Amino acid sequence: MRKVHFWYRHPLATYFSIENIFHKLEEELASQFHISTERQVVPNISGSFKGLLANNKYASRSEQGIHHITGDIYYITSHLKGAKIVTYHDFVLMNRTGNPVKKQVFKYLWYTQPVKAADIITVISPQVKKELLDITGVDEKKVRVIPNFYNPFFDTIRKIPGVTKQNAAEVLFIGTTAHKNLRNAILALEGTGITLNIVGRPSEENKELITKCGITANIFQGLSLPELGKLYQGASCLLFPSLYEGFGLPIIEAQAAGLPVITSNREPMSWVAGKAARLINPLDVADIRSAVINVLEDTVQTALMVEEGFKNVQRFQLSTITAAYAACYEQWL
């Protein structure tokens, strides 16, 4: 069987989205295209130059072949032997770096140098492609947009919600880092009687705001996929007013499950959602509030939105995305 080396960052307890994506992709490549994958996990986290140097040394001992850097550890790219494919997910880490010197070092090691060394660069949305081109000036011909896929599990929990009473509503909110915009979601639901189900670890500030606004909120952490599925099934809608994303996977998970979606009118969220979501200004609390109430009360339009969601997610099926990655490898297999 033909083989591709998949390179992963050192395991982190709270970050595993990249692994979830590519582990599932490995299975599909084997069954659909008879391409095997060998996992390579770097020995250190990327939090220090010592760790970076050790990871580069580990990568330099790689065998000739096809190497796919799945995310985060882009700085190892030039140290690998053979064909090199790099996948960029977003630019959150660089955007968070306030020190201008550190930012330039980070830019060089994670972006400028890797894109020069890579043979193919994949990005998960047109927005990430635009940012990558702006940051690095890389030749656009090297870049391919290959979106994320949603786990087929969400097809198995498909349902059409029928909430008619606003005071019985439960809004699902996934992610609690600053750019997920939980604060504005809390403010928008004040006084509505709507329950807010949060997946993640809210800051102390947001916990205090929940109490101050008198909102009933349930907080969920460390959920299994079936447990997350139950939250999707029990929710009245997904509220995803993010300020920044590389993609926005919860949008298509919700659409596949038959859940109405409210998300930001920014890229890439609007691209991912297609015509199957209520788009809002994530900075406008009143707009968020109005959208939630409208989705809950206008059951006819909400049902149409859900049907459009079933159509939209066809773009993001596992088999389609796997075929796109397989096409990247074929020239060397």
C-alpha atoms as a PDB file:
ATOM      1  CA  MET A   1       0.000   0.000   0.000  1.00  0.00           C
ATOM      2  CA  ARG A   2       1.209   3.520  -0.845  1.00  0.00           C
ATOM      3  CA  LYS A   3       2.294   5.649   2.128  1.00  0.00           C
ATOM      4  CA  VAL A   4       2.224   9.239   3.385  1.00  0.00           C
ATOM      5  CA  HIS A   5       3.889  10.441   6.605  1.00  0.00           C
ATOM      6  CA  PHE A   6       1.521  12.557   8.721  1.00  0.00           C
ATOM      7  CA  TRP A   7       3.361  14.878  11.118  1.00  0.00           C
ATOM      8  CA  TYR A   8       1.639  15.907  14.345  1.00  0.00           C
ATOM      9  CA  ARG A   9       2.483  18.323  17.151  1.00  0.00           C
ATOM     10  CA  HIS A  10       3.325  16.996  20.611  1.00  0.00           C
ATOM     11  CA  PRO A  11       0.041  16.018  22.331  1.00  0.00           C
ATOM     12  CA  LEU A  12      -1.654  18.770  24.323  1.00  0.00           C
ATOM     13  CA  ALA A  13      -4.423  18.089  26.825  1.00  0.00           C
ATOM     14  CA  THR A  14      -6.676  20.934  25.702  1.00  0.00           C
ATOM     15  CA  TYR A  15      -5.983  21.053  21.949  1.00  0.00           C
ATOM     16  CA  PHE A  16      -6.876  18.143  19.712  1.00  0.00           C
ATOM     17  CA  SER A  17      -8.959  19.462  16.797  1.00  0.00           C
ATOM     18  CA  ILE A  18      -6.152  18.910  14.276  1.00  0.00           C
ATOM     19  CA  GLU A  19      -5.708  15.339  15.450  1.00  0.00           C
ATOM     20  CA  ASN A  20      -9.447  14.656  15.227  1.00  0.00           C
ATOM     21  CA  ILE A  21      -9.504  15.848  11.629  1.00  0.00           C
ATOM     22  CA  PHE A  22      -6.473  14.016  10.342  1.00  0.00           C
ATOM     23  CA  HIS A  23      -6.953  10.772  12.264  1.00  0.00           C
ATOM     24  CA  LYS A  24     -10.338  10.413  10.557  1.00  0.00           C
ATOM     25  CA  LEU A  25      -8.755  11.354   7.245  1.00  0.00           C
ATOM     26  CA  GLU A  26      -6.161   8.602   7.699  1.00  0.00           C
ATOM     27  CA  GLU A  27      -8.922   5.985   7.925  1.00  0.00           C
ATOM     28  CA  GLU A  28     -10.643   7.252   4.792  1.00  0.00           C
ATOM     29  CA  LEU A  29      -7.420   7.447   2.765  1.00  0.00           C
ATOM     30  CA  ALA A  30      -6.737   3.790   3.529  1.00  0.00           C
ATOM     31  CA  SER A  31     -10.239   2.543   2.728  1.00  0.00           C
ATOM     32  CA  GLN A  32     -11.056   4.788  -0.229  1.00  0.00           C
ATOM     33  CA  PHE A  33      -7.688   5.292  -1.946  1.00  0.00           C
ATOM     34  CA  HIS A  34      -5.466   2.523  -0.542  1.00  0.00           C
ATOM     35  CA  ILE A  35      -3.050   5.122   0.814  1.00  0.00           C
ATOM     36  CA  SER A  36      -1.537   4.240   4.174  1.00  0.00           C
ATOM     37  CA  THR A  37      -0.304   6.830   6.634  1.00  0.00           C
ATOM     38  CA  GLU A  38       2.459   6.711   9.198  1.00  0.00           C
ATOM     39  CA  ARG A  39       2.082   9.011  12.183  1.00  0.00           C
ATOM     40  CA  GLN A  40       5.087  11.039  13.246  1.00  0.00           C
ATOM     41  CA  VAL A  41       4.677  12.961  16.512  1.00  0.00           C
ATOM     42  CA  VAL A  42       7.371  15.463  17.453  1.00  0.00           C
ATOM     43  CA  PRO A  43       8.869  14.864  20.920  1.00  0.00           C
ATOM     44  CA  ASN A  44       8.457  18.374  22.341  1.00  0.00           C
ATOM     45  CA  ILE A  45       5.886  21.146  22.581  1.00  0.00           C
ATOM     46  CA  SER A  46       6.691  24.307  20.652  1.00  0.00           C
ATOM     47  CA  GLY A  47       6.909  26.578  23.693  1.00  0.00           C
ATOM     48  CA  SER A  48      10.670  27.171  23.676  1.00  0.00           C
ATOM     49  CA  PHE A  49      13.599  27.374  21.270  1.00  0.00           C
ATOM     50  CA  LYS A  50      15.001  24.272  22.920  1.00  0.00           C
ATOM     51  CA  GLY A  51      11.821  22.423  22.030  1.00  0.00           C
ATOM     52  CA  LEU A  52      11.892  23.777  18.458  1.00  0.00           C
ATOM     53  CA  LEU A  53      15.497  22.712  17.953  1.00  0.00           C
ATOM     54  CA  ALA A  54      14.782  19.225  19.289  1.00  0.00           C
ATOM     55  CA  ASN A  55      11.785  18.881  16.982  1.00  0.00           C
ATOM     56  CA  ASN A  56      13.816  20.070  13.987  1.00  0.00           C
ATOM     57  CA  LYS A  57      16.515  17.535  14.810  1.00  0.00           C
ATOM     58  CA  TYR A  58      13.882  14.806  15.011  1.00  0.00           C
ATOM     59  CA  ALA A  59      12.436  15.862  11.640  1.00  0.00           C
ATOM     60  CA  SER A  60      15.878  15.902  10.011  1.00  0.00           C
ATOM     61  CA  ARG A  61      16.130  12.153  10.650  1.00  0.00           C
ATOM     62  CA  SER A  62      13.043  11.533   8.518  1.00  0.00           C
ATOM     63  CA  GLU A  63      13.167   9.147   5.577  1.00  0.00           C
ATOM     64  CA  GLN A  64      12.591  10.145   1.981  1.00  0.00           C
ATOM     65  CA  GLY A  65       8.914  10.178   1.106  1.00  0.00           C
ATOM     66  CA  ILE A  66       5.744  12.246   1.185  1.00  0.00           C
ATOM     67  CA  HIS A  67       5.453  14.325   4.361  1.00  0.00           C
ATOM     68  CA  HIS A  68       2.289  16.150   5.401  1.00  0.00           C
ATOM     69  CA  ILE A  69       2.563  18.647   8.263  1.00  0.00           C
ATOM     70  CA  THR A  70      -0.969  18.614   9.653  1.00  0.00           C
ATOM     71  CA  GLY A  71      -0.687  21.863  11.590  1.00  0.00           C
ATOM     72  CA  ASP A  72       1.096  23.960  14.230  1.00  0.00           C
ATOM     73  CA  ILE A  73       4.662  22.611  13.811  1.00  0.00           C
ATOM     74  CA  TYR A  74       5.298  24.277  10.454  1.00  0.00           C
ATOM     75  CA  TYR A  75       8.886  25.194  11.346  1.00  0.00           C
ATOM     76  CA  ILE A  76      10.004  21.569  10.750  1.00  0.00           C
ATOM     77  CA  THR A  77       9.095  21.735   7.038  1.00  0.00           C
ATOM     78  CA  SER A  78      12.550  22.504   5.632  1.00  0.00           C
ATOM     79  CA  HIS A  79      14.109  19.737   7.739  1.00  0.00           C
ATOM     80  CA  LEU A  80      12.050  16.956   6.152  1.00  0.00           C
ATOM     81  CA  LYS A  81      13.333  14.857   3.264  1.00  0.00           C
ATOM     82  CA  GLY A  82      11.179  14.454   0.186  1.00  0.00           C
ATOM     83  CA  ALA A  83       7.851  15.977  -0.876  1.00  0.00           C
ATOM     84  CA  LYS A  84       6.346  18.370   1.663  1.00  0.00           C
ATOM     85  CA  ILE A  85       2.692  19.360   2.116  1.00  0.00           C
ATOM     86  CA  VAL A  86       1.657  21.872   4.772  1.00  0.00           C
ATOM     87  CA  THR A  87      -1.877  22.597   6.034  1.00  0.00           C
ATOM     88  CA  TYR A  88      -2.664  25.988   7.552  1.00  0.00           C
ATOM     89  CA  HIS A  89      -5.753  26.301   9.753  1.00  0.00           C
ATOM     90  CA  ASP A  90      -5.675  29.893  11.028  1.00  0.00           C
ATOM     91  CA  PHE A  91      -3.397  32.657  12.312  1.00  0.00           C
ATOM     92  CA  VAL A  92      -4.644  32.923  15.887  1.00  0.00           C
ATOM     93  CA  LEU A  93      -1.246  32.357  17.498  1.00  0.00           C
ATOM     94  CA  MET A  94       0.528  35.018  15.472  1.00  0.00           C
ATOM     95  CA  ASN A  95      -2.311  37.486  15.991  1.00  0.00           C
ATOM     96  CA  ARG A  96      -2.067  36.957  19.755  1.00  0.00           C
ATOM     97  CA  THR A  97       1.654  37.756  19.833  1.00  0.00           C
ATOM     98  CA  GLY A  98       1.974  41.362  21.003  1.00  0.00           C
ATOM     99  CA  ASN A  99       5.769  41.669  21.182  1.00  0.00           C
ATOM    100  CA  PRO A 100       6.881  42.946  17.729  1.00  0.00           C
ATOM    101  CA  VAL A 101      10.223  41.107  17.845  1.00  0.00           C
ATOM    102  CA  LYS A 102       8.607  37.812  18.824  1.00  0.00           C
ATOM    103  CA  LYS A 103       5.979  38.379  16.143  1.00  0.00           C
ATOM    104  CA  GLN A 104       8.624  38.675  13.413  1.00  0.00           C
ATOM    105  CA  VAL A 105      10.429  35.551  14.662  1.00  0.00           C
ATOM    106  CA  PHE A 106       7.142  33.688  14.803  1.00  0.00           C
ATOM    107  CA  LYS A 107       6.224  34.886  11.309  1.00  0.00           C
ATOM    108  CA  TYR A 108       9.521  33.665   9.874  1.00  0.00           C
ATOM    109  CA  LEU A 109       9.593  30.251  11.581  1.00  0.00           C
ATOM    110  CA  TRP A 110       5.890  29.378  11.222  1.00  0.00           C
ATOM    111  CA  TYR A 111       5.027  31.027   7.902  1.00  0.00           C
ATOM    112  CA  THR A 112       7.702  32.649   5.721  1.00  0.00           C
ATOM    113  CA  GLN A 113      10.239  29.825   5.843  1.00  0.00           C
ATOM    114  CA  PRO A 114       7.783  26.864   5.722  1.00  0.00           C
ATOM    115  CA  VAL A 115       5.829  28.101   2.698  1.00  0.00           C
ATOM    116  CA  LYS A 116       9.081  28.435   0.746  1.00  0.00           C
ATOM    117  CA  ALA A 117      10.083  24.882   1.643  1.00  0.00           C
ATOM    118  CA  ALA A 118       6.653  23.358   0.972  1.00  0.00           C
ATOM    119  CA  ASP A 119       5.730  21.829  -2.363  1.00  0.00           C
ATOM    120  CA  ILE A 120       1.990  22.166  -1.749  1.00  0.00           C
ATOM    121  CA  ILE A 121       0.180  24.340   0.795  1.00  0.00           C
ATOM    122  CA  THR A 122      -3.400  23.593   1.737  1.00  0.00           C
ATOM    123  CA  VAL A 123      -5.679  25.973   3.613  1.00  0.00           C
ATOM    124  CA  ILE A 124      -9.098  25.272   5.092  1.00  0.00           C
ATOM    125  CA  SER A 125     -10.954  28.300   3.719  1.00  0.00           C
ATOM    126  CA  PRO A 126     -10.585  31.128   1.194  1.00  0.00           C
ATOM    127  CA  GLN A 127     -10.121  33.501   4.146  1.00  0.00           C
ATOM    128  CA  VAL A 128      -7.082  31.587   5.398  1.00  0.00           C
ATOM    129  CA  LYS A 129      -5.715  31.629   1.842  1.00  0.00           C
ATOM    130  CA  LYS A 130      -6.113  35.412   1.684  1.00  0.00           C
ATOM    131  CA  GLU A 131      -4.355  35.858   5.031  1.00  0.00           C
ATOM    132  CA  LEU A 132      -1.539  33.513   4.023  1.00  0.00           C
ATOM    133  CA  LEU A 133      -0.947  35.385   0.767  1.00  0.00           C
ATOM    134  CA  ASP A 134      -0.988  38.730   2.593  1.00  0.00           C
ATOM    135  CA  ILE A 135       1.459  37.532   5.268  1.00  0.00           C
ATOM    136  CA  THR A 136       3.939  35.593   3.131  1.00  0.00           C
ATOM    137  CA  GLY A 137       3.484  36.646  -0.493  1.00  0.00           C
ATOM    138  CA  VAL A 138       3.739  32.972  -1.460  1.00  0.00           C
ATOM    139  CA  ASP A 139       3.031  31.958  -5.052  1.00  0.00           C
ATOM    140  CA  GLU A 140      -0.727  31.428  -5.222  1.00  0.00           C
ATOM    141  CA  LYS A 141      -0.217  28.418  -7.504  1.00  0.00           C
ATOM    142  CA  LYS A 142       1.186  26.470  -4.539  1.00  0.00           C
ATOM    143  CA  VAL A 143      -1.971  26.999  -2.463  1.00  0.00           C
ATOM    144  CA  ARG A 144      -5.079  24.799  -2.540  1.00  0.00           C
ATOM    145  CA  VAL A 145      -8.278  25.399  -0.576  1.00  0.00           C
ATOM    146  CA  ILE A 146      -9.355  22.115   1.016  1.00  0.00           C
ATOM    147  CA  PRO A 147     -12.047  22.713   3.649  1.00  0.00           C
ATOM    148  CA  ASN A 148     -12.577  20.789   6.832  1.00  0.00           C
ATOM    149  CA  PHE A 149     -15.124  17.988   6.790  1.00  0.00           C
ATOM    150  CA  TYR A 150     -17.723  17.233   9.413  1.00  0.00           C
ATOM    151  CA  ASN A 151     -17.748  13.900  11.199  1.00  0.00           C
ATOM    152  CA  PRO A 152     -20.359  11.581   9.602  1.00  0.00           C
ATOM    153  CA  PHE A 153     -21.582  10.972  13.148  1.00  0.00           C
ATOM    154  CA  PHE A 154     -23.590  14.175  12.901  1.00  0.00           C
ATOM    155  CA  ASP A 155     -25.661  12.707  10.060  1.00  0.00           C
ATOM    156  CA  THR A 156     -26.769   9.948  12.425  1.00  0.00           C
ATOM    157  CA  ILE A 157     -28.279  12.397  14.929  1.00  0.00           C
ATOM    158  CA  ARG A 158     -30.138  14.431  12.324  1.00  0.00           C
ATOM    159  CA  LYS A 159     -33.388  15.976  13.447  1.00  0.00           C
ATOM    160  CA  ILE A 160     -35.545  18.992  12.679  1.00  0.00           C
ATOM    161  CA  PRO A 161     -36.166  21.087  15.797  1.00  0.00           C
ATOM    162  CA  GLY A 162     -39.651  22.281  16.598  1.00  0.00           C
ATOM    163  CA  VAL A 163     -39.294  24.715  19.458  1.00  0.00           C
ATOM    164  CA  THR A 164     -42.342  26.956  19.692  1.00  0.00           C
ATOM    165  CA  LYS A 165     -41.953  28.441  23.174  1.00  0.00           C
ATOM    166  CA  GLN A 166     -39.099  30.848  23.685  1.00  0.00           C
ATOM    167  CA  ASN A 167     -38.924  30.066  27.415  1.00  0.00           C
ATOM    168  CA  ALA A 168     -38.258  26.403  26.580  1.00  0.00           C
ATOM    169  CA  ALA A 169     -35.323  27.212  24.317  1.00  0.00           C
ATOM    170  CA  GLU A 170     -31.762  26.076  24.788  1.00  0.00           C
ATOM    171  CA  VAL A 171     -29.035  27.823  22.804  1.00  0.00           C
ATOM    172  CA  LEU A 172     -25.811  25.929  22.153  1.00  0.00           C
ATOM    173  CA  PHE A 173     -22.515  27.870  22.277  1.00  0.00           C
ATOM    174  CA  ILE A 174     -19.238  26.114  21.435  1.00  0.00           C
ATOM    175  CA  GLY A 175     -15.811  27.490  22.373  1.00  0.00           C
ATOM    176  CA  THR A 176     -14.790  29.945  25.078  1.00  0.00           C
ATOM    177  CA  THR A 177     -11.555  31.601  23.951  1.00  0.00           C
ATOM    178  CA  ALA A 178     -11.793  35.377  23.600  1.00  0.00           C
ATOM    179  CA  HIS A 179     -12.468  35.442  19.863  1.00  0.00           C
ATOM    180  CA  LYS A 180     -15.499  33.149  20.273  1.00  0.00           C
ATOM    181  CA  ASN A 181     -17.335  36.217  21.617  1.00  0.00           C
ATOM    182  CA  LEU A 182     -19.134  34.609  24.555  1.00  0.00           C
ATOM    183  CA  ARG A 183     -19.496  37.956  26.306  1.00  0.00           C
ATOM    184  CA  ASN A 184     -21.776  39.390  23.623  1.00  0.00           C
ATOM    185  CA  ALA A 185     -23.786  36.166  23.522  1.00  0.00           C
ATOM    186  CA  ILE A 186     -24.412  36.446  27.276  1.00  0.00           C
ATOM    187  CA  LEU A 187     -25.447  40.089  26.974  1.00  0.00           C
ATOM    188  CA  ALA A 188     -27.751  39.255  24.063  1.00  0.00           C
ATOM    189  CA  LEU A 189     -29.642  36.604  26.038  1.00  0.00           C
ATOM    190  CA  GLU A 190     -30.162  38.715  29.158  1.00  0.00           C
ATOM    191  CA  GLY A 191     -33.822  38.731  30.152  1.00  0.00           C
ATOM    192  CA  THR A 192     -34.943  36.256  27.477  1.00  0.00           C
ATOM    193  CA  GLY A 193     -35.370  33.217  29.716  1.00  0.00           C
ATOM    194  CA  ILE A 194     -33.280  31.210  27.252  1.00  0.00           C
ATOM    195  CA  THR A 195     -30.889  28.607  28.622  1.00  0.00           C
ATOM    196  CA  LEU A 196     -27.299  28.871  27.394  1.00  0.00           C
ATOM    197  CA  ASN A 197     -25.382  25.607  27.037  1.00  0.00           C
ATOM    198  CA  ILE A 198     -21.665  26.383  26.827  1.00  0.00           C
ATOM    199  CA  VAL A 199     -19.036  23.892  25.681  1.00  0.00           C
ATOM    200  CA  GLY A 200     -15.658  24.972  27.000  1.00  0.00           C
ATOM    201  CA  ARG A 201     -14.111  26.804  29.944  1.00  0.00           C
ATOM    202  CA  PRO A 202     -15.585  30.294  30.383  1.00  0.00           C
ATOM    203  CA  SER A 203     -13.361  32.929  31.940  1.00  0.00           C
ATOM    204  CA  GLU A 204     -14.122  34.089  35.464  1.00  0.00           C
ATOM    205  CA  GLU A 205     -15.213  37.396  33.971  1.00  0.00           C
ATOM    206  CA  ASN A 206     -17.793  35.661  31.781  1.00  0.00           C
ATOM    207  CA  LYS A 207     -18.992  33.508  34.668  1.00  0.00           C
ATOM    208  CA  GLU A 208     -19.595  36.662  36.683  1.00  0.00           C
ATOM    209  CA  LEU A 209     -21.411  38.218  33.728  1.00  0.00           C
ATOM    210  CA  ILE A 210     -23.700  35.163  33.462  1.00  0.00           C
ATOM    211  CA  THR A 211     -24.644  35.637  37.115  1.00  0.00           C
ATOM    212  CA  LYS A 212     -25.088  39.385  36.739  1.00  0.00           C
ATOM    213  CA  CYS A 213     -27.370  38.946  33.711  1.00  0.00           C
ATOM    214  CA  GLY A 214     -29.444  36.300  35.469  1.00  0.00           C
ATOM    215  CA  ILE A 215     -28.949  33.735  32.721  1.00  0.00           C
ATOM    216  CA  THR A 216     -29.420  30.028  33.255  1.00  0.00           C
ATOM    217  CA  ALA A 217     -26.222  28.500  31.887  1.00  0.00           C
ATOM    218  CA  ASN A 218     -24.877  24.969  31.785  1.00  0.00           C
ATOM    219  CA  ILE A 219     -21.148  24.459  31.253  1.00  0.00           C
ATOM    220  CA  PHE A 220     -19.799  21.286  29.627  1.00  0.00           C
ATOM    221  CA  GLN A 221     -16.163  20.205  29.370  1.00  0.00           C
ATOM    222  CA  GLY A 222     -14.344  17.128  28.112  1.00  0.00           C
ATOM    223  CA  LEU A 223     -17.338  15.771  26.208  1.00  0.00           C
ATOM    224  CA  SER A 224     -17.233  12.579  24.176  1.00  0.00           C
ATOM    225  CA  LEU A 225     -18.659  12.729  20.653  1.00  0.00           C
ATOM    226  CA  PRO A 226     -21.947  11.054  21.694  1.00  0.00           C
ATOM    227  CA  GLU A 227     -22.270  13.493  24.602  1.00  0.00           C
ATOM    228  CA  LEU A 228     -21.708  16.430  22.266  1.00  0.00           C
ATOM    229  CA  GLY A 229     -24.277  14.906  19.925  1.00  0.00           C
ATOM    230  CA  LYS A 230     -26.891  14.965  22.675  1.00  0.00           C
ATOM    231  CA  LEU A 231     -26.300  18.677  23.146  1.00  0.00           C
ATOM    232  CA  TYR A 232     -26.852  19.269  19.427  1.00  0.00           C
ATOM    233  CA  GLN A 233     -30.018  17.189  19.549  1.00  0.00           C
ATOM    234  CA  GLY A 234     -31.419  19.026  22.554  1.00  0.00           C
ATOM    235  CA  ALA A 235     -30.591  22.540  21.390  1.00  0.00           C
ATOM    236  CA  SER A 236     -32.946  25.003  19.726  1.00  0.00           C
ATOM    237  CA  CYS A 237     -30.150  26.621  17.705  1.00  0.00           C
ATOM    238  CA  LEU A 238     -26.391  27.045  17.519  1.00  0.00           C
ATOM    239  CA  LEU A 239     -25.150  30.532  18.352  1.00  0.00           C
ATOM    240  CA  PHE A 240     -21.682  31.010  16.873  1.00  0.00           C
ATOM    241  CA  PRO A 241     -20.947  34.778  16.790  1.00  0.00           C
ATOM    242  CA  SER A 242     -17.191  34.370  16.472  1.00  0.00           C
ATOM    243  CA  LEU A 243     -14.930  37.330  15.799  1.00  0.00           C
ATOM    244  CA  TYR A 244     -12.281  35.221  14.068  1.00  0.00           C
ATOM    245  CA  GLU A 245     -12.009  31.674  12.699  1.00  0.00           C
ATOM    246  CA  GLY A 246      -9.977  29.755  10.211  1.00  0.00           C
ATOM    247  CA  PHE A 247     -13.092  27.746   9.379  1.00  0.00           C
ATOM    248  CA  GLY A 248     -15.873  27.315  11.959  1.00  0.00           C
ATOM    249  CA  LEU A 249     -16.537  23.580  12.192  1.00  0.00           C
ATOM    250  CA  PRO A 250     -19.533  23.818  14.581  1.00  0.00           C
ATOM    251  CA  ILE A 251     -21.479  25.528  11.795  1.00  0.00           C
ATOM    252  CA  ILE A 252     -21.529  22.471   9.555  1.00  0.00           C
ATOM    253  CA  GLU A 253     -21.819  20.034  12.452  1.00  0.00           C
ATOM    254  CA  ALA A 254     -25.024  21.836  13.447  1.00  0.00           C
ATOM    255  CA  GLN A 255     -26.320  21.944   9.886  1.00  0.00           C
ATOM    256  CA  ALA A 256     -25.699  18.225   9.428  1.00  0.00           C
ATOM    257  CA  ALA A 257     -27.567  17.551  12.675  1.00  0.00           C
ATOM    258  CA  GLY A 258     -30.555  19.647  11.586  1.00  0.00           C
ATOM    259  CA  LEU A 259     -29.906  22.535  13.946  1.00  0.00           C
ATOM    260  CA  PRO A 260     -30.567  26.162  12.925  1.00  0.00           C
ATOM    261  CA  VAL A 261     -27.396  28.265  12.879  1.00  0.00           C
ATOM    262  CA  ILE A 262     -26.773  31.874  13.827  1.00  0.00           C
ATOM    263  CA  THR A 263     -23.255  33.010  12.977  1.00  0.00           C
ATOM    264  CA  SER A 264     -21.155  36.046  12.110  1.00  0.00           C
ATOM    265  CA  ASN A 265     -21.432  37.954   8.861  1.00  0.00           C
ATOM    266  CA  ARG A 266     -17.647  37.719   8.568  1.00  0.00           C
ATOM    267  CA  GLU A 267     -15.437  35.420   6.538  1.00  0.00           C
ATOM    268  CA  PRO A 268     -14.962  32.513   6.675  1.00  0.00           C
ATOM    269  CA  MET A 269     -18.150  31.918   8.696  1.00  0.00           C
ATOM    270  CA  SER A 270     -20.446  33.254   5.987  1.00  0.00           C
ATOM    271  CA  TRP A 271     -18.643  31.126   3.357  1.00  0.00           C
ATOM    272  CA  VAL A 272     -18.922  27.988   5.474  1.00  0.00           C
ATOM    273  CA  ALA A 273     -22.587  28.611   6.325  1.00  0.00           C
ATOM    274  CA  GLY A 274     -23.613  29.320   2.750  1.00  0.00           C
ATOM    275  CA  LYS A 275     -27.258  30.346   2.493  1.00  0.00           C
ATOM    276  CA  ALA A 276     -28.191  28.195   5.479  1.00  0.00           C
ATOM    277  CA  ALA A 277     -27.684  30.482   8.480  1.00  0.00           C
ATOM    278  CA  ARG A 278     -28.856  33.717   9.997  1.00  0.00           C
ATOM    279  CA  LEU A 279     -25.878  36.067   9.731  1.00  0.00           C
ATOM    280  CA  ILE A 280     -25.337  38.722  12.386  1.00  0.00           C
ATOM    281  CA  ASN A 281     -22.910  41.481  13.283  1.00  0.00           C
ATOM    282  CA  PRO A 282     -20.964  39.827  16.130  1.00  0.00           C
ATOM    283  CA  LEU A 283     -20.239  43.206  17.719  1.00  0.00           C
ATOM    284  CA  ASP A 284     -23.933  44.199  17.840  1.00  0.00           C
ATOM    285  CA  VAL A 285     -25.620  42.707  20.918  1.00  0.00           C
ATOM    286  CA  ALA A 286     -29.060  43.821  19.731  1.00  0.00           C
ATOM    287  CA  ASP A 287     -28.548  42.118  16.374  1.00  0.00           C
ATOM    288  CA  ILE A 288     -27.560  38.860  18.085  1.00  0.00           C
ATOM    289  CA  ARG A 289     -30.579  39.027  20.372  1.00  0.00           C
ATOM    290  CA  SER A 290     -32.960  39.767  17.502  1.00  0.00           C
ATOM    291  CA  ALA A 291     -31.582  36.874  15.459  1.00  0.00           C
ATOM    292  CA  VAL A 292     -32.005  34.357  18.290  1.00  0.00           C
ATOM    293  CA  ILE A 293     -35.598  35.408  18.959  1.00  0.00           C
ATOM    294  CA  ASN A 294     -36.421  35.421  15.241  1.00  0.00           C
ATOM    295  CA  VAL A 295     -35.012  31.922  14.700  1.00  0.00           C
ATOM    296  CA  LEU A 296     -37.014  30.604  17.640  1.00  0.00           C
ATOM    297  CA  GLU A 297     -40.284  32.314  16.713  1.00  0.00           C
ATOM    298  CA  ASP A 298     -40.331  32.115  12.908  1.00  0.00           C
ATOM    299  CA  THR A 299     -40.612  28.350  12.617  1.00  0.00           C
ATOM    300  CA  VAL A 300     -41.364  28.445   8.874  1.00  0.00           C
ATOM    301  CA  GLN A 301     -38.190  30.306   7.949  1.00  0.00           C
ATOM    302  CA  THR A 302     -36.196  28.268  10.434  1.00  0.00           C
ATOM    303  CA  ALA A 303     -37.388  25.012   8.839  1.00  0.00           C
ATOM    304  CA  LEU A 304     -36.302  26.337   5.427  1.00  0.00           C
ATOM    305  CA  MET A 305     -32.911  27.255   6.899  1.00  0.00           C
ATOM    306  CA  VAL A 306     -32.482  23.735   8.219  1.00  0.00           C
ATOM    307  CA  GLU A 307     -33.288  22.237   4.799  1.00  0.00           C
ATOM    308  CA  GLU A 308     -30.732  24.552   3.179  1.00  0.00           C
ATOM    309  CA  GLY A 309     -28.245  23.361   5.788  1.00  0.00           C
ATOM    310  CA  PHE A 310     -28.663  19.753   4.684  1.00  0.00           C
ATOM    311  CA  LYS A 311     -27.791  20.876   1.141  1.00  0.00           C
ATOM    312  CA  ASN A 312     -24.875  23.053   2.232  1.00  0.00           C
ATOM    313  CA  VAL A 313     -23.036  20.331   4.136  1.00  0.00           C
ATOM    314  CA  GLN A 314     -22.716  18.262   0.968  1.00  0.00           C
ATOM    315  CA  ARG A 315     -19.683  20.464   0.231  1.00  0.00           C
ATOM    316  CA  PHE A 316     -17.974  19.235   3.384  1.00  0.00           C
ATOM    317  CA  GLN A 317     -18.436  15.478   3.330  1.00  0.00           C
ATOM    318  CA  LEU A 318     -15.525  13.305   4.416  1.00  0.00           C
ATOM    319  CA  SER A 319     -15.274  11.464   1.090  1.00  0.00           C
ATOM    320  CA  THR A 320     -15.083  14.737  -0.869  1.00  0.00           C
ATOM    321  CA  ILE A 321     -12.364  16.228   1.316  1.00  0.00           C
ATOM    322  CA  THR A 322     -10.375  12.976   1.350  1.00  0.00           C
ATOM    323  CA  ALA A 323     -10.370  12.935  -2.450  1.00  0.00           C
ATOM    324  CA  ALA A 324      -8.952  16.462  -2.492  1.00  0.00           C
ATOM    325  CA  TYR A 325      -6.079  15.482  -0.186  1.00  0.00           C
ATOM    326  CA  ALA A 326      -5.439  12.276  -2.152  1.00  0.00           C
ATOM    327  CA  ALA A 327      -5.053  14.420  -5.271  1.00  0.00           C
ATOM    328  CA  CYS A 328      -2.214  16.288  -3.515  1.00  0.00           C
ATOM    329  CA  TYR A 329      -0.298  13.049  -2.941  1.00  0.00           C
ATOM    330  CA  GLU A 330      -0.925  11.357  -6.283  1.00  0.00           C
ATOM    331  CA  GLN A 331       1.894  13.066  -8.188  1.00  0.00           C
ATOM    332  CA  TRP A 332       4.451  11.385  -5.925  1.00  0.00           C
ATOM    333  CA  LEU A 333       2.792   7.990  -5.428  1.00  0.00           C
END
